[in-house]
Amino acid sequence: MLIIDDILLFPYRGLKFIFNQILDHLDQEYNSVDAVKKELSELQLRFEMDEISEEEYDQAEAVLLVRLKEIRERGKTDEDQDEDDEDDDEENEDDDDE
């Protein structure tokens, strides 16, 4: 019965894997500091070329700056958690040595 289940569920699992990979890639791209900086410079260029008004520029810039701040804060939080995990691992190794 398990072999039949695996055969029947293979297309579903394959699609799920593909969609998860796409989602991970998009998430990394969206939450990249470099991507937000690029959007900011493109926005400034559009403003300087009079493609958008000052009001539109200010609104879009505010959104991008908030996003950039969130990404940086999330990065610091992730780094803090990684450091905490490393500290915990070192403490566990010290306990094992005793």
PDB file of N, CA and C in Angstrom:
ATOM      1  N   MET A   1       0.815  -1.188   0.000  1.00  0.00           N
ATOM      2  CA  MET A   1       0.000   0.000   0.000  1.00  0.00           C
ATOM      3  C   MET A   1       0.863   1.258   0.000  1.00  0.00           C
ATOM      4  N   LEU A   2       2.001   1.241   0.678  1.00  0.00           N
ATOM      5  CA  LEU A   2       2.859   2.411   0.767  1.00  0.00           C
ATOM      6  C   LEU A   2       3.446   2.794  -0.589  1.00  0.00           C
ATOM      7  N   ILE A   3       3.775   1.817  -1.399  1.00  0.00           N
ATOM      8  CA  ILE A   3       4.335   2.114  -2.721  1.00  0.00           C
ATOM      9  C   ILE A   3       3.286   2.810  -3.574  1.00  0.00           C
ATOM     10  N   ILE A   4       2.067   2.377  -3.495  1.00  0.00           N
ATOM     11  CA  ILE A   4       0.987   3.002  -4.261  1.00  0.00           C
ATOM     12  C   ILE A   4       0.767   4.435  -3.785  1.00  0.00           C
ATOM     13  N   ASP A   5       0.794   4.633  -2.472  1.00  0.00           N
ATOM     14  CA  ASP A   5       0.657   5.990  -1.925  1.00  0.00           C
ATOM     15  C   ASP A   5       1.779   6.896  -2.433  1.00  0.00           C
ATOM     16  N   ASP A   6       3.009   6.383  -2.420  1.00  0.00           N
ATOM     17  CA  ASP A   6       4.143   7.176  -2.897  1.00  0.00           C
ATOM     18  C   ASP A   6       3.982   7.534  -4.371  1.00  0.00           C
ATOM     19  N   ILE A   7       3.542   6.599  -5.171  1.00  0.00           N
ATOM     20  CA  ILE A   7       3.358   6.855  -6.603  1.00  0.00           C
ATOM     21  C   ILE A   7       2.255   7.884  -6.834  1.00  0.00           C
ATOM     22  N   LEU A   8       1.169   7.743  -6.105  1.00  0.00           N
ATOM     23  CA  LEU A   8       0.048   8.663  -6.289  1.00  0.00           C
ATOM     24  C   LEU A   8       0.361  10.070  -5.782  1.00  0.00           C
ATOM     25  N   LEU A   9       1.137  10.171  -4.713  1.00  0.00           N
ATOM     26  CA  LEU A   9       1.443  11.472  -4.118  1.00  0.00           C
ATOM     27  C   LEU A   9       2.683  12.139  -4.715  1.00  0.00           C
ATOM     28  N   PHE A  10       3.427  11.439  -5.577  1.00  0.00           N
ATOM     29  CA  PHE A  10       4.648  11.996  -6.139  1.00  0.00           C
ATOM     30  C   PHE A  10       4.419  13.318  -6.880  1.00  0.00           C
ATOM     31  N   PRO A  11       3.407  13.410  -7.751  1.00  0.00           N
ATOM     32  CA  PRO A  11       3.199  14.705  -8.437  1.00  0.00           C
ATOM     33  C   PRO A  11       2.908  15.839  -7.457  1.00  0.00           C
ATOM     34  N   TYR A  12       2.140  15.551  -6.436  1.00  0.00           N
ATOM     35  CA  TYR A  12       1.820  16.568  -5.432  1.00  0.00           C
ATOM     36  C   TYR A  12       3.079  17.001  -4.694  1.00  0.00           C
ATOM     37  N   ARG A  13       3.889  16.062  -4.264  1.00  0.00           N
ATOM     38  CA  ARG A  13       5.116  16.377  -3.532  1.00  0.00           C
ATOM     39  C   ARG A  13       6.104  17.135  -4.415  1.00  0.00           C
ATOM     40  N   GLY A  14       6.158  16.761  -5.694  1.00  0.00           N
ATOM     41  CA  GLY A  14       7.040  17.460  -6.622  1.00  0.00           C
ATOM     42  C   GLY A  14       6.627  18.909  -6.804  1.00  0.00           C
ATOM     43  N   LEU A  15       5.330  19.135  -6.993  1.00  0.00           N
ATOM     44  CA  LEU A  15       4.833  20.507  -7.141  1.00  0.00           C
ATOM     45  C   LEU A  15       5.033  21.303  -5.862  1.00  0.00           C
ATOM     46  N   LYS A  16       4.810  20.664  -4.729  1.00  0.00           N
ATOM     47  CA  LYS A  16       5.004  21.337  -3.449  1.00  0.00           C
ATOM     48  C   LYS A  16       6.457  21.760  -3.300  1.00  0.00           C
ATOM     49  N   PHE A  17       7.388  20.889  -3.669  1.00  0.00           N
ATOM     50  CA  PHE A  17       8.811  21.206  -3.591  1.00  0.00           C
ATOM     51  C   PHE A  17       9.150  22.395  -4.497  1.00  0.00           C
ATOM     52  N   ILE A  18       8.647  22.377  -5.722  1.00  0.00           N
ATOM     53  CA  ILE A  18       8.916  23.455  -6.675  1.00  0.00           C
ATOM     54  C   ILE A  18       8.369  24.782  -6.156  1.00  0.00           C
ATOM     55  N   PHE A  19       7.140  24.781  -5.675  1.00  0.00           N
ATOM     56  CA  PHE A  19       6.545  26.021  -5.165  1.00  0.00           C
ATOM     57  C   PHE A  19       7.291  26.532  -3.927  1.00  0.00           C
ATOM     58  N   ASN A  20       7.754  25.634  -3.078  1.00  0.00           N
ATOM     59  CA  ASN A  20       8.538  26.051  -1.915  1.00  0.00           C
ATOM     60  C   ASN A  20       9.862  26.681  -2.341  1.00  0.00           C
ATOM     61  N   GLN A  21      10.493  26.137  -3.367  1.00  0.00           N
ATOM     62  CA  GLN A  21      11.738  26.709  -3.876  1.00  0.00           C
ATOM     63  C   GLN A  21      11.504  28.103  -4.448  1.00  0.00           C
ATOM     64  N   ILE A  22      10.430  28.260  -5.208  1.00  0.00           N
ATOM     65  CA  ILE A  22      10.090  29.568  -5.772  1.00  0.00           C
ATOM     66  C   ILE A  22       9.801  30.564  -4.660  1.00  0.00           C
ATOM     67  N   LEU A  23       9.044  30.146  -3.671  1.00  0.00           N
ATOM     68  CA  LEU A  23       8.705  31.005  -2.542  1.00  0.00           C
ATOM     69  C   LEU A  23       9.958  31.430  -1.778  1.00  0.00           C
ATOM     70  N   ASP A  24      10.863  30.500  -1.538  1.00  0.00           N
ATOM     71  CA  ASP A  24      12.116  30.830  -0.846  1.00  0.00           C
ATOM     72  C   ASP A  24      12.934  31.835  -1.643  1.00  0.00           C
ATOM     73  N   HIS A  25      13.017  31.633  -2.950  1.00  0.00           N
ATOM     74  CA  HIS A  25      13.774  32.549  -3.803  1.00  0.00           C
ATOM     75  C   HIS A  25      13.158  33.947  -3.791  1.00  0.00           C
ATOM     76  N   LEU A  26      11.847  34.026  -3.930  1.00  0.00           N
ATOM     77  CA  LEU A  26      11.172  35.322  -3.918  1.00  0.00           C
ATOM     78  C   LEU A  26      11.312  36.007  -2.563  1.00  0.00           C
ATOM     79  N   ASP A  27      11.235  35.242  -1.509  1.00  0.00           N
ATOM     80  CA  ASP A  27      11.383  35.800  -0.163  1.00  0.00           C
ATOM     81  C   ASP A  27      12.775  36.380   0.030  1.00  0.00           C
ATOM     82  N   GLN A  28      13.792  35.661  -0.424  1.00  0.00           N
ATOM     83  CA  GLN A  28      15.164  36.155  -0.309  1.00  0.00           C
ATOM     84  C   GLN A  28      15.355  37.420  -1.136  1.00  0.00           C
ATOM     85  N   GLU A  29      14.773  37.432  -2.322  1.00  0.00           N
ATOM     86  CA  GLU A  29      14.916  38.601  -3.191  1.00  0.00           C
ATOM     87  C   GLU A  29      14.181  39.802  -2.612  1.00  0.00           C
ATOM     88  N   TYR A  30      12.988  39.590  -2.106  1.00  0.00           N
ATOM     89  CA  TYR A  30      12.195  40.679  -1.555  1.00  0.00           C
ATOM     90  C   TYR A  30      12.821  41.232  -0.283  1.00  0.00           C
ATOM     91  N   ASN A  31      13.412  40.373   0.513  1.00  0.00           N
ATOM     92  CA  ASN A  31      13.980  40.771   1.801  1.00  0.00           C
ATOM     93  C   ASN A  31      15.478  41.036   1.724  1.00  0.00           C
ATOM     94  N   SER A  32      15.966  41.398   0.559  1.00  0.00           N
ATOM     95  CA  SER A  32      17.373  41.694   0.370  1.00  0.00           C
ATOM     96  C   SER A  32      17.613  43.195   0.503  1.00  0.00           C
ATOM     97  N   VAL A  33      18.618  43.565   1.290  1.00  0.00           N
ATOM     98  CA  VAL A  33      18.974  44.976   1.453  1.00  0.00           C
ATOM     99  C   VAL A  33      19.382  45.561   0.105  1.00  0.00           C
ATOM    100  N   ASP A  34      20.135  44.791  -0.665  1.00  0.00           N
ATOM    101  CA  ASP A  34      20.581  45.277  -1.975  1.00  0.00           C
ATOM    102  C   ASP A  34      19.410  45.548  -2.910  1.00  0.00           C
ATOM    103  N   ALA A  35      18.387  44.692  -2.874  1.00  0.00           N
ATOM    104  CA  ALA A  35      17.227  44.892  -3.744  1.00  0.00           C
ATOM    105  C   ALA A  35      16.484  46.176  -3.374  1.00  0.00           C
ATOM    106  N   VAL A  36      16.349  46.449  -2.087  1.00  0.00           N
ATOM    107  CA  VAL A  36      15.648  47.663  -1.648  1.00  0.00           C
ATOM    108  C   VAL A  36      16.468  48.896  -2.024  1.00  0.00           C
ATOM    109  N   LYS A  37      17.792  48.812  -1.849  1.00  0.00           N
ATOM    110  CA  LYS A  37      18.639  49.945  -2.245  1.00  0.00           C
ATOM    111  C   LYS A  37      18.540  50.211  -3.744  1.00  0.00           C
ATOM    112  N   LYS A  38      18.468  49.156  -4.524  1.00  0.00           N
ATOM    113  CA  LYS A  38      18.323  49.308  -5.976  1.00  0.00           C
ATOM    114  C   LYS A  38      16.995  49.984  -6.303  1.00  0.00           C
ATOM    115  N   GLU A  39      15.924  49.571  -5.620  1.00  0.00           N
ATOM    116  CA  GLU A  39      14.620  50.193  -5.838  1.00  0.00           C
ATOM    117  C   GLU A  39      14.644  51.673  -5.454  1.00  0.00           C
ATOM    118  N   LEU A  40      15.351  51.992  -4.367  1.00  0.00           N
ATOM    119  CA  LEU A  40      15.466  53.390  -3.947  1.00  0.00           C
ATOM    120  C   LEU A  40      16.196  54.227  -5.003  1.00  0.00           C
ATOM    121  N   SER A  41      17.277  53.693  -5.540  1.00  0.00           N
ATOM    122  CA  SER A  41      18.010  54.458  -6.553  1.00  0.00           C
ATOM    123  C   SER A  41      17.204  54.588  -7.843  1.00  0.00           C
ATOM    124  N   GLU A  42      16.451  53.552  -8.217  1.00  0.00           N
ATOM    125  CA  GLU A  42      15.579  53.643  -9.388  1.00  0.00           C
ATOM    126  C   GLU A  42      14.476  54.672  -9.160  1.00  0.00           C
ATOM    127  N   LEU A  43      13.958  54.711  -7.960  1.00  0.00           N
ATOM    128  CA  LEU A  43      12.927  55.688  -7.612  1.00  0.00           C
ATOM    129  C   LEU A  43      13.470  57.108  -7.705  1.00  0.00           C
ATOM    130  N   GLN A  44      14.664  57.303  -7.184  1.00  0.00           N
ATOM    131  CA  GLN A  44      15.281  58.626  -7.248  1.00  0.00           C
ATOM    132  C   GLN A  44      15.535  59.044  -8.697  1.00  0.00           C
ATOM    133  N   LEU A  45      15.972  58.111  -9.513  1.00  0.00           N
ATOM    134  CA  LEU A  45      16.202  58.401 -10.925  1.00  0.00           C
ATOM    135  C   LEU A  45      14.898  58.799 -11.624  1.00  0.00           C
ATOM    136  N   ARG A  46      13.835  58.070 -11.334  1.00  0.00           N
ATOM    137  CA  ARG A  46      12.529  58.403 -11.931  1.00  0.00           C
ATOM    138  C   ARG A  46      12.076  59.791 -11.500  1.00  0.00           C
ATOM    139  N   PHE A  47      12.346  60.142 -10.231  1.00  0.00           N
ATOM    140  CA  PHE A  47      11.966  61.467  -9.735  1.00  0.00           C
ATOM    141  C   PHE A  47      12.784  62.551 -10.423  1.00  0.00           C
ATOM    142  N   GLU A  48      14.075  62.312 -10.560  1.00  0.00           N
ATOM    143  CA  GLU A  48      14.946  63.297 -11.193  1.00  0.00           C
ATOM    144  C   GLU A  48      14.607  63.489 -12.667  1.00  0.00           C
ATOM    145  N   MET A  49      14.074  62.468 -13.303  1.00  0.00           N
ATOM    146  CA  MET A  49      13.692  62.568 -14.713  1.00  0.00           C
ATOM    147  C   MET A  49      12.244  63.030 -14.876  1.00  0.00           C
ATOM    148  N   ASP A  50      11.629  63.448 -13.790  1.00  0.00           N
ATOM    149  CA  ASP A  50      10.255  63.954 -13.765  1.00  0.00           C
ATOM    150  C   ASP A  50       9.220  62.942 -14.247  1.00  0.00           C
ATOM    151  N   GLU A  51       9.490  61.671 -14.007  1.00  0.00           N
ATOM    152  CA  GLU A  51       8.518  60.632 -14.341  1.00  0.00           C
ATOM    153  C   GLU A  51       7.461  60.501 -13.250  1.00  0.00           C
ATOM    154  N   ILE A  52       7.820  60.899 -12.021  1.00  0.00           N
ATOM    155  CA  ILE A  52       6.878  60.855 -10.905  1.00  0.00           C
ATOM    156  C   ILE A  52       6.932  62.189 -10.168  1.00  0.00           C
ATOM    157  N   SER A  53       5.854  62.492  -9.477  1.00  0.00           N
ATOM    158  CA  SER A  53       5.796  63.755  -8.730  1.00  0.00           C
ATOM    159  C   SER A  53       6.541  63.615  -7.403  1.00  0.00           C
ATOM    160  N   GLU A  54       6.750  64.744  -6.750  1.00  0.00           N
ATOM    161  CA  GLU A  54       7.439  64.728  -5.461  1.00  0.00           C
ATOM    162  C   GLU A  54       6.616  63.978  -4.414  1.00  0.00           C
ATOM    163  N   GLU A  55       5.305  64.124  -4.487  1.00  0.00           N
ATOM    164  CA  GLU A  55       4.427  63.424  -3.536  1.00  0.00           C
ATOM    165  C   GLU A  55       4.530  61.914  -3.721  1.00  0.00           C
ATOM    166  N   GLU A  56       4.492  61.455  -4.958  1.00  0.00           N
ATOM    167  CA  GLU A  56       4.626  60.025  -5.232  1.00  0.00           C
ATOM    168  C   GLU A  56       5.994  59.514  -4.776  1.00  0.00           C
ATOM    169  N   TYR A  57       7.012  60.326  -5.027  1.00  0.00           N
ATOM    170  CA  TYR A  57       8.362  59.962  -4.602  1.00  0.00           C
ATOM    171  C   TYR A  57       8.430  59.808  -3.089  1.00  0.00           C
ATOM    172  N   ASP A  58       7.893  60.777  -2.373  1.00  0.00           N
ATOM    173  CA  ASP A  58       7.934  60.740  -0.911  1.00  0.00           C
ATOM    174  C   ASP A  58       7.207  59.524  -0.357  1.00  0.00           C
ATOM    175  N   GLN A  59       6.049  59.210  -0.936  1.00  0.00           N
ATOM    176  CA  GLN A  59       5.281  58.060  -0.465  1.00  0.00           C
ATOM    177  C   GLN A  59       6.036  56.754  -0.721  1.00  0.00           C
ATOM    178  N   ALA A  60       6.545  56.600  -1.929  1.00  0.00           N
ATOM    179  CA  ALA A  60       7.253  55.374  -2.283  1.00  0.00           C
ATOM    180  C   ALA A  60       8.548  55.241  -1.476  1.00  0.00           C
ATOM    181  N   GLU A  61       9.241  56.363  -1.267  1.00  0.00           N
ATOM    182  CA  GLU A  61      10.475  56.339  -0.497  1.00  0.00           C
ATOM    183  C   GLU A  61      10.195  55.918   0.947  1.00  0.00           C
ATOM    184  N   ALA A  62       9.125  56.439   1.518  1.00  0.00           N
ATOM    185  CA  ALA A  62       8.771  56.092   2.898  1.00  0.00           C
ATOM    186  C   ALA A  62       8.516  54.590   3.021  1.00  0.00           C
ATOM    187  N   VAL A  63       7.811  54.024   2.062  1.00  0.00           N
ATOM    188  CA  VAL A  63       7.516  52.590   2.085  1.00  0.00           C
ATOM    189  C   VAL A  63       8.814  51.785   1.998  1.00  0.00           C
ATOM    190  N   LEU A  64       9.697  52.184   1.091  1.00  0.00           N
ATOM    191  CA  LEU A  64      10.956  51.461   0.919  1.00  0.00           C
ATOM    192  C   LEU A  64      11.863  51.591   2.141  1.00  0.00           C
ATOM    193  N   LEU A  65      11.878  52.760   2.756  1.00  0.00           N
ATOM    194  CA  LEU A  65      12.714  52.940   3.939  1.00  0.00           C
ATOM    195  C   LEU A  65      12.206  52.122   5.123  1.00  0.00           C
ATOM    196  N   VAL A  66      10.892  52.015   5.254  1.00  0.00           N
ATOM    197  CA  VAL A  66      10.325  51.170   6.312  1.00  0.00           C
ATOM    198  C   VAL A  66      10.706  49.711   6.051  1.00  0.00           C
ATOM    199  N   ARG A  67      10.595  49.286   4.797  1.00  0.00           N
ATOM    200  CA  ARG A  67      10.955  47.912   4.436  1.00  0.00           C
ATOM    201  C   ARG A  67      12.435  47.654   4.716  1.00  0.00           C
ATOM    202  N   LEU A  68      13.292  48.613   4.376  1.00  0.00           N
ATOM    203  CA  LEU A  68      14.719  48.474   4.618  1.00  0.00           C
ATOM    204  C   LEU A  68      15.017  48.366   6.114  1.00  0.00           C
ATOM    205  N   LYS A  69      14.341  49.181   6.897  1.00  0.00           N
ATOM    206  CA  LYS A  69      14.522  49.148   8.350  1.00  0.00           C
ATOM    207  C   LYS A  69      14.100  47.789   8.917  1.00  0.00           C
ATOM    208  N   GLU A  70      12.977  47.264   8.438  1.00  0.00           N
ATOM    209  CA  GLU A  70      12.497  45.961   8.904  1.00  0.00           C
ATOM    210  C   GLU A  70      13.479  44.854   8.547  1.00  0.00           C
ATOM    211  N   ILE A  71      14.027  44.927   7.339  1.00  0.00           N
ATOM    212  CA  ILE A  71      14.985  43.901   6.913  1.00  0.00           C
ATOM    213  C   ILE A  71      16.218  43.950   7.797  1.00  0.00           C
ATOM    214  N   ARG A  72      16.716  45.142   8.059  1.00  0.00           N
ATOM    215  CA  ARG A  72      17.913  45.271   8.891  1.00  0.00           C
ATOM    216  C   ARG A  72      17.644  44.802  10.316  1.00  0.00           C
ATOM    217  N   GLU A  73      16.480  45.145  10.859  1.00  0.00           N
ATOM    218  CA  GLU A  73      16.140  44.695  12.215  1.00  0.00           C
ATOM    219  C   GLU A  73      16.014  43.181  12.257  1.00  0.00           C
ATOM    220  N   ARG A  74      15.393  42.613  11.238  1.00  0.00           N
ATOM    221  CA  ARG A  74      15.251  41.161  11.172  1.00  0.00           C
ATOM    222  C   ARG A  74      16.620  40.506  11.064  1.00  0.00           C
ATOM    223  N   GLY A  75      17.524  41.140  10.316  1.00  0.00           N
ATOM    224  CA  GLY A  75      18.880  40.617  10.189  1.00  0.00           C
ATOM    225  C   GLY A  75      19.606  40.627  11.510  1.00  0.00           C
ATOM    226  N   LYS A  76      19.430  41.702  12.285  1.00  0.00           N
ATOM    227  CA  LYS A  76      20.066  41.769  13.605  1.00  0.00           C
ATOM    228  C   LYS A  76      19.469  40.723  14.529  1.00  0.00           C
ATOM    229  N   THR A  77      18.170  40.537  14.458  1.00  0.00           N
ATOM    230  CA  THR A  77      17.505  39.538  15.285  1.00  0.00           C
ATOM    231  C   THR A  77      18.003  38.150  14.927  1.00  0.00           C
ATOM    232  N   ASP A  78      18.135  37.867  13.629  1.00  0.00           N
ATOM    233  CA  ASP A  78      18.637  36.568  13.193  1.00  0.00           C
ATOM    234  C   ASP A  78      20.064  36.359  13.664  1.00  0.00           C
ATOM    235  N   GLU A  79      20.900  37.404  13.586  1.00  0.00           N
ATOM    236  CA  GLU A  79      22.279  37.291  14.037  1.00  0.00           C
ATOM    237  C   GLU A  79      22.327  37.047  15.538  1.00  0.00           C
ATOM    238  N   ASP A  80      21.473  37.753  16.295  1.00  0.00           N
ATOM    239  CA  ASP A  80      21.427  37.557  17.742  1.00  0.00           C
ATOM    240  C   ASP A  80      21.021  36.131  18.076  1.00  0.00           C
ATOM    241  N   GLN A  81      20.037  35.598  17.351  1.00  0.00           N
ATOM    242  CA  GLN A  81      19.599  34.231  17.604  1.00  0.00           C
ATOM    243  C   GLN A  81      20.702  33.244  17.255  1.00  0.00           C
ATOM    244  N   ASP A  82      21.433  33.501  16.155  1.00  0.00           N
ATOM    245  CA  ASP A  82      22.538  32.625  15.778  1.00  0.00           C
ATOM    246  C   ASP A  82      23.621  32.641  16.843  1.00  0.00           C
ATOM    247  N   GLU A  83      23.924  33.835  17.374  1.00  0.00           N
ATOM    248  CA  GLU A  83      24.925  33.932  18.433  1.00  0.00           C
ATOM    249  C   GLU A  83      24.460  33.202  19.681  1.00  0.00           C
ATOM    250  N   ASP A  84      23.172  33.341  20.023  1.00  0.00           N
ATOM    251  CA  ASP A  84      22.631  32.643  21.190  1.00  0.00           C
ATOM    252  C   ASP A  84      22.720  31.136  20.989  1.00  0.00           C
ATOM    253  N   ASP A  85      22.406  30.666  19.776  1.00  0.00           N
ATOM    254  CA  ASP A  85      22.492  29.239  19.479  1.00  0.00           C
ATOM    255  C   ASP A  85      23.927  28.744  19.608  1.00  0.00           C
ATOM    256  N   GLU A  86      24.888  29.558  19.117  1.00  0.00           N
ATOM    257  CA  GLU A  86      26.284  29.176  19.220  1.00  0.00           C
ATOM    258  C   GLU A  86      26.715  29.128  20.682  1.00  0.00           C
ATOM    259  N   ASP A  87      26.260  30.094  21.475  1.00  0.00           N
ATOM    260  CA  ASP A  87      26.592  30.100  22.901  1.00  0.00           C
ATOM    261  C   ASP A  87      26.025  28.872  23.587  1.00  0.00           C
ATOM    262  N   ASP A  88      24.789  28.512  23.254  1.00  0.00           N
ATOM    263  CA  ASP A  88      24.160  27.330  23.843  1.00  0.00           C
ATOM    264  C   ASP A  88      24.930  26.072  23.449  1.00  0.00           C
ATOM    265  N   ASP A  89      25.354  25.999  22.180  1.00  0.00           N
ATOM    266  CA  ASP A  89      26.111  24.838  21.722  1.00  0.00           C
ATOM    267  C   ASP A  89      27.434  24.729  22.475  1.00  0.00           C
ATOM    268  N   GLU A  90      28.110  25.865  22.681  1.00  0.00           N
ATOM    269  CA  GLU A  90      29.375  25.848  23.403  1.00  0.00           C
ATOM    270  C   GLU A  90      29.168  25.410  24.846  1.00  0.00           C
ATOM    271  N   GLU A  91      28.081  25.870  25.479  1.00  0.00           N
ATOM    272  CA  GLU A  91      27.795  25.466  26.858  1.00  0.00           C
ATOM    273  C   GLU A  91      27.514  23.971  26.922  1.00  0.00           C
ATOM    274  N   ASN A  92      26.777  23.455  25.927  1.00  0.00           N
ATOM    275  CA  ASN A  92      26.481  22.029  25.908  1.00  0.00           C
ATOM    276  C   ASN A  92      27.750  21.215  25.705  1.00  0.00           C
ATOM    277  N   GLU A  93      28.672  21.696  24.880  1.00  0.00           N
ATOM    278  CA  GLU A  93      29.932  20.988  24.677  1.00  0.00           C
ATOM    279  C   GLU A  93      30.750  20.982  25.962  1.00  0.00           C
ATOM    280  N   ASP A  94      30.752  22.115  26.688  1.00  0.00           N
ATOM    281  CA  ASP A  94      31.480  22.190  27.956  1.00  0.00           C
ATOM    282  C   ASP A  94      30.895  21.217  28.966  1.00  0.00           C
ATOM    283  N   ASP A  95      29.573  21.100  28.996  1.00  0.00           N
ATOM    284  CA  ASP A  95      28.924  20.171  29.913  1.00  0.00           C
ATOM    285  C   ASP A  95      29.260  18.728  29.558  1.00  0.00           C
ATOM    286  N   ASP A  96      29.346  18.436  28.258  1.00  0.00           N
ATOM    287  CA  ASP A  96      29.661  17.080  27.825  1.00  0.00           C
ATOM    288  C   ASP A  96      31.091  16.703  28.183  1.00  0.00           C
ATOM    289  N   ASP A  97      31.992  17.676  28.167  1.00  0.00           N
ATOM    290  CA  ASP A  97      33.401  17.401  28.474  1.00  0.00           C
ATOM    291  C   ASP A  97      33.574  17.019  29.936  1.00  0.00           C
ATOM    292  N   GLU A  98      32.739  17.502  30.806  1.00  0.00           N
ATOM    293  CA  GLU A  98      32.846  17.205  32.233  1.00  0.00           C
ATOM    294  C   GLU A  98      32.324  15.836  32.490  1.00  0.00           C
TER     295      GLU A  98
END
